[in-house]
C-alpha atoms as a PDB file:
ATOM      1  CA  MET A   1      -0.001  -0.025  -0.007  1.00  0.00           C
ATOM      2  CA  GLY A   2       1.299   3.421  -1.036  1.00  0.00           C
ATOM      3  CA  MET A   3       0.780   6.825   0.427  1.00  0.00           C
ATOM      4  CA  SER A   4      -1.331   7.976  -2.566  1.00  0.00           C
ATOM      5  CA  GLY A   5      -4.675   8.721  -0.824  1.00  0.00           C
ATOM      6  CA  GLY A   6      -3.988   8.583   2.908  1.00  0.00           C
ATOM      7  CA  SER A   7      -5.236  11.788   4.477  1.00  0.00           C
ATOM      8  CA  SER A   8      -4.459  10.598   7.987  1.00  0.00           C
ATOM      9  CA  ASN A   9      -0.713  10.542   7.237  1.00  0.00           C
ATOM     10  CA  GLY A  10      -0.733  13.923   5.370  1.00  0.00           C
ATOM     11  CA  PRO A  11       0.179  17.307   6.725  1.00  0.00           C
ATOM     12  CA  MET A  12      -2.273  18.688   9.352  1.00  0.00           C
ATOM     13  CA  SER A  13      -4.866  20.811   7.459  1.00  0.00           C
ATOM     14  CA  ASP A  14      -6.595  22.357  10.481  1.00  0.00           C
ATOM     15  CA  ILE A  15      -5.670  25.984  11.327  1.00  0.00           C
ATOM     16  CA  ASN A  16      -5.158  26.875  14.939  1.00  0.00           C
ATOM     17  CA  VAL A  17      -7.097  30.104  15.351  1.00  0.00           C
ATOM     18  CA  THR A  18      -6.463  30.669  19.008  1.00  0.00           C
ATOM     19  CA  PRO A  19      -3.446  32.895  18.468  1.00  0.00           C
ATOM     20  CA  LEU A  20      -5.420  34.876  15.862  1.00  0.00           C
ATOM     21  CA  VAL A  21      -8.259  35.407  18.356  1.00  0.00           C
ATOM     22  CA  ASP A  22      -5.799  36.485  21.007  1.00  0.00           C
ATOM     23  CA  VAL A  23      -4.221  39.045  18.742  1.00  0.00           C
ATOM     24  CA  MET A  24      -7.581  40.377  17.549  1.00  0.00           C
ATOM     25  CA  LEU A  25      -8.841  40.792  21.138  1.00  0.00           C
ATOM     26  CA  VAL A  26      -5.627  42.714  22.127  1.00  0.00           C
ATOM     27  CA  LEU A  27      -6.029  44.980  19.053  1.00  0.00           C
ATOM     28  CA  LEU A  28      -9.749  45.468  19.920  1.00  0.00           C
ATOM     29  CA  VAL A  29      -8.866  46.583  23.471  1.00  0.00           C
ATOM     30  CA  ILE A  30      -6.146  48.897  22.235  1.00  0.00           C
ATOM     31  CA  PHE A  31      -8.583  50.456  19.740  1.00  0.00           C
ATOM     32  CA  MET A  32     -11.238  50.798  22.522  1.00  0.00           C
ATOM     33  CA  VAL A  33      -8.797  52.620  24.765  1.00  0.00           C
ATOM     34  CA  THR A  34      -7.290  54.927  22.175  1.00  0.00           C
ATOM     35  CA  ALA A  35     -10.534  55.785  20.241  1.00  0.00           C
ATOM     36  CA  PRO A  36     -11.821  58.384  22.878  1.00  0.00           C
ATOM     37  CA  MET A  37      -8.404  60.027  22.766  1.00  0.00           C
ATOM     38  CA  MET A  38      -8.446  60.452  19.009  1.00  0.00           C
ATOM     39  CA  THR A  39     -11.520  62.590  18.970  1.00  0.00           C
ATOM     40  CA  THR A  40     -10.157  66.176  18.840  1.00  0.00           C
ATOM     41  CA  GLY A  41     -12.045  69.340  18.172  1.00  0.00           C
ATOM     42  CA  LEU A  42     -11.400  72.564  16.374  1.00  0.00           C
ATOM     43  CA  ASP A  43     -11.445  75.734  18.309  1.00  0.00           C
ATOM     44  CA  VAL A  44     -13.796  78.076  16.542  1.00  0.00           C
ATOM     45  CA  ASN A  45     -14.541  81.665  17.664  1.00  0.00           C
ATOM     46  CA  LEU A  46     -18.244  82.045  17.093  1.00  0.00           C
ATOM     47  CA  PRO A  47     -19.606  85.640  16.608  1.00  0.00           C
ATOM     48  CA  GLN A  48     -21.476  87.043  19.502  1.00  0.00           C
ATOM     49  CA  ALA A  49     -25.120  87.408  18.501  1.00  0.00           C
ATOM     50  CA  GLN A  50     -26.852  90.316  20.145  1.00  0.00           C
ATOM     51  CA  SER A  51     -30.436  89.109  20.422  1.00  0.00           C
ATOM     52  CA  GLY A  52     -32.617  91.583  22.110  1.00  0.00           C
ATOM     53  CA  THR A  53     -34.941  94.401  21.360  1.00  0.00           C
ATOM     54  CA  LEU A  54     -34.287  96.453  18.175  1.00  0.00           C
ATOM     55  CA  ASP A  55     -33.285 100.078  18.493  1.00  0.00           C
ATOM     56  CA  GLU A  56     -36.556 101.834  18.238  1.00  0.00           C
ATOM     57  CA  THR A  57     -35.186 105.398  18.055  1.00  0.00           C
ATOM     58  CA  ARG A  58     -34.403 105.035  14.392  1.00  0.00           C
ATOM     59  CA  PRO A  59     -36.733 102.929  12.275  1.00  0.00           C
ATOM     60  CA  PRO A  60     -35.002 100.176  10.398  1.00  0.00           C
ATOM     61  CA  ILE A  61     -35.196  99.577   6.646  1.00  0.00           C
ATOM     62  CA  ILE A  62     -37.048  96.398   6.269  1.00  0.00           C
ATOM     63  CA  VAL A  63     -36.423  94.522   3.029  1.00  0.00           C
ATOM     64  CA  SER A  64     -39.062  91.777   2.548  1.00  0.00           C
ATOM     65  CA  VAL A  65     -39.168  88.913   0.054  1.00  0.00           C
ATOM     66  CA  SER A  66     -42.647  87.649  -0.300  1.00  0.00           C
ATOM     67  CA  GLY A  67     -43.749  83.983  -1.172  1.00  0.00           C
ATOM     68  CA  GLN A  68     -44.388  85.147  -4.728  1.00  0.00           C
ATOM     69  CA  SER A  69     -40.729  86.421  -4.960  1.00  0.00           C
ATOM     70  CA  ASP A  70     -41.807  90.000  -4.768  1.00  0.00           C
ATOM     71  CA  ILE A  71     -39.265  92.350  -3.092  1.00  0.00           C
ATOM     72  CA  LEU A  72     -40.522  95.176  -0.867  1.00  0.00           C
ATOM     73  CA  VAL A  73     -38.558  97.909   0.815  1.00  0.00           C
ATOM     74  CA  ASN A  74     -40.596  99.256   3.830  1.00  0.00           C
ATOM     75  CA  ASP A  75     -43.790  97.824   2.078  1.00  0.00           C
ATOM     76  CA  ARG A  76     -42.952  99.536  -1.237  1.00  0.00           C
ATOM     77  CA  ARG A  77     -42.627  97.046  -4.126  1.00  0.00           C
ATOM     78  CA  THR A  78     -39.422  97.061  -6.021  1.00  0.00           C
ATOM     79  CA  SER A  79     -37.470  94.671  -8.257  1.00  0.00           C
ATOM     80  CA  LEU A  80     -33.972  93.141  -7.724  1.00  0.00           C
ATOM     81  CA  ALA A  81     -32.482  95.575 -10.266  1.00  0.00           C
ATOM     82  CA  GLU A  82     -33.906  98.594  -8.539  1.00  0.00           C
ATOM     83  CA  LEU A  83     -33.234  97.387  -5.044  1.00  0.00           C
ATOM     84  CA  GLY A  84     -29.726  99.071  -4.800  1.00  0.00           C
ATOM     85  CA  GLY A  85     -31.079 102.456  -5.934  1.00  0.00           C
ATOM     86  CA  VAL A  86     -33.870 102.362  -3.435  1.00  0.00           C
ATOM     87  CA  ILE A  87     -31.478 101.474  -0.585  1.00  0.00           C
ATOM     88  CA  VAL A  88     -29.146 104.305  -1.733  1.00  0.00           C
ATOM     89  CA  GLN A  89     -32.067 106.764  -1.436  1.00  0.00           C
ATOM     90  CA  GLU A  90     -32.990 105.391   1.972  1.00  0.00           C
ATOM     91  CA  LYS A  91     -29.313 105.777   3.107  1.00  0.00           C
ATOM     92  CA  LYS A  92     -29.364 109.483   2.058  1.00  0.00           C
ATOM     93  CA  ALA A  93     -32.346 110.174   4.417  1.00  0.00           C
ATOM     94  CA  GLN A  94     -30.889 108.070   7.211  1.00  0.00           C
ATOM     95  CA  PRO A  95     -27.069 107.511   7.222  1.00  0.00           C
ATOM     96  CA  ASN A  96     -25.864 104.143   8.347  1.00  0.00           C
ATOM     97  CA  PRO A  97     -29.328 102.705   8.629  1.00  0.00           C
ATOM     98  CA  GLN A  98     -30.263  99.365  10.282  1.00  0.00           C
ATOM     99  CA  VAL A  99     -31.310  97.008   7.445  1.00  0.00           C
ATOM    100  CA  LEU A 100     -33.424  94.045   8.246  1.00  0.00           C
ATOM    101  CA  LEU A 101     -34.194  91.195   5.783  1.00  0.00           C
ATOM    102  CA  LYS A 102     -37.371  89.290   6.046  1.00  0.00           C
ATOM    103  CA  ALA A 103     -37.902  86.305   3.663  1.00  0.00           C
ATOM    104  CA  ASP A 104     -40.771  83.996   3.375  1.00  0.00           C
ATOM    105  CA  ARG A 105     -39.957  80.358   4.025  1.00  0.00           C
ATOM    106  CA  SER A 106     -41.099  79.344   0.589  1.00  0.00           C
ATOM    107  CA  VAL A 107     -38.736  81.676  -1.215  1.00  0.00           C
ATOM    108  CA  PRO A 108     -35.800  79.915  -3.125  1.00  0.00           C
ATOM    109  CA  TYR A 109     -32.511  80.305  -1.241  1.00  0.00           C
ATOM    110  CA  GLY A 110     -30.807  81.690  -4.412  1.00  0.00           C
ATOM    111  CA  LEU A 111     -33.149  84.775  -4.524  1.00  0.00           C
ATOM    112  CA  VAL A 112     -32.388  85.534  -0.838  1.00  0.00           C
ATOM    113  CA  VAL A 113     -28.609  85.366  -1.693  1.00  0.00           C
ATOM    114  CA  GLN A 114     -29.155  87.726  -4.634  1.00  0.00           C
ATOM    115  CA  VAL A 115     -30.887  90.165  -2.426  1.00  0.00           C
ATOM    116  CA  MET A 116     -28.111  90.008   0.161  1.00  0.00           C
ATOM    117  CA  GLY A 117     -25.578  90.507  -2.629  1.00  0.00           C
ATOM    118  CA  ALA A 118     -27.431  93.588  -3.897  1.00  0.00           C
ATOM    119  CA  LEU A 119     -27.551  95.083  -0.391  1.00  0.00           C
ATOM    120  CA  LYS A 120     -23.812  94.484   0.126  1.00  0.00           C
ATOM    121  CA  ALA A 121     -23.070  96.064  -3.269  1.00  0.00           C
ATOM    122  CA  VAL A 122     -24.587  99.339  -2.104  1.00  0.00           C
ATOM    123  CA  GLY A 123     -22.530  99.358   1.120  1.00  0.00           C
ATOM    124  CA  VAL A 124     -24.868  97.690   3.649  1.00  0.00           C
ATOM    125  CA  GLU A 125     -22.419  96.356   6.218  1.00  0.00           C
ATOM    126  CA  LYS A 126     -24.728  94.873   8.821  1.00  0.00           C
ATOM    127  CA  LEU A 127     -27.816  93.033   7.867  1.00  0.00           C
ATOM    128  CA  GLY A 128     -30.283  91.682  10.338  1.00  0.00           C
ATOM    129  CA  MET A 129     -32.455  88.796   9.673  1.00  0.00           C
ATOM    130  CA  VAL A 130     -36.096  88.890  10.893  1.00  0.00           C
ATOM    131  CA  THR A 131     -37.252  85.451  11.968  1.00  0.00           C
ATOM    132  CA  GLU A 132     -40.552  84.205  13.132  1.00  0.00           C
ATOM    133  CA  SER A 133     -40.747  81.833  16.078  1.00  0.00           C
ATOM    134  CA  PRO A 134     -42.465  78.619  14.977  1.00  0.00           C
ATOM    135  CA  ALA A 135     -46.143  78.909  16.061  1.00  0.00           C
ATOM    136  CA  ALA A 136     -48.078  75.962  17.215  1.00  0.00           C
ATOM    137  CA  PRO A 137     -50.302  74.607  14.476  1.00  0.00           C
ATOM    138  CA  THR A 138     -53.864  75.730  14.823  1.00  0.00           C
ATOM    139  CA  GLY A 139     -56.443  73.072  14.166  1.00  0.00           C
ATOM    140  CA  GLY A 140     -59.364  74.238  12.009  1.00  0.00           C
END
């Protein structure tokens, strides 16, 4: 009888996985210990938001963008092209005015950015955003 098909006399084909499990457990413990140390944060200086009552001594210029994409300056309808000229006229009557932007929530974001760009182009440095606090839905 030859050694042609004897599997009992051949090399051992079972893999001993115990050292592999030991190594993996050690790596897992090392990872669990070092993972909280690897979470680092960036120090960011956030601007101080002054939220309070508005200065009532000088009325602000309110630029509104309605849901139909109409632009109004102090309830006077204007267009995006004429917005800069209207703000310049308002600034002549009231130097360094407080400008507030009020946009409907259904207005496309791009239009709001265009309005902000037009205001910045005519020298409006500080622009306030008028926001509405979310009201409780009223059942009808």
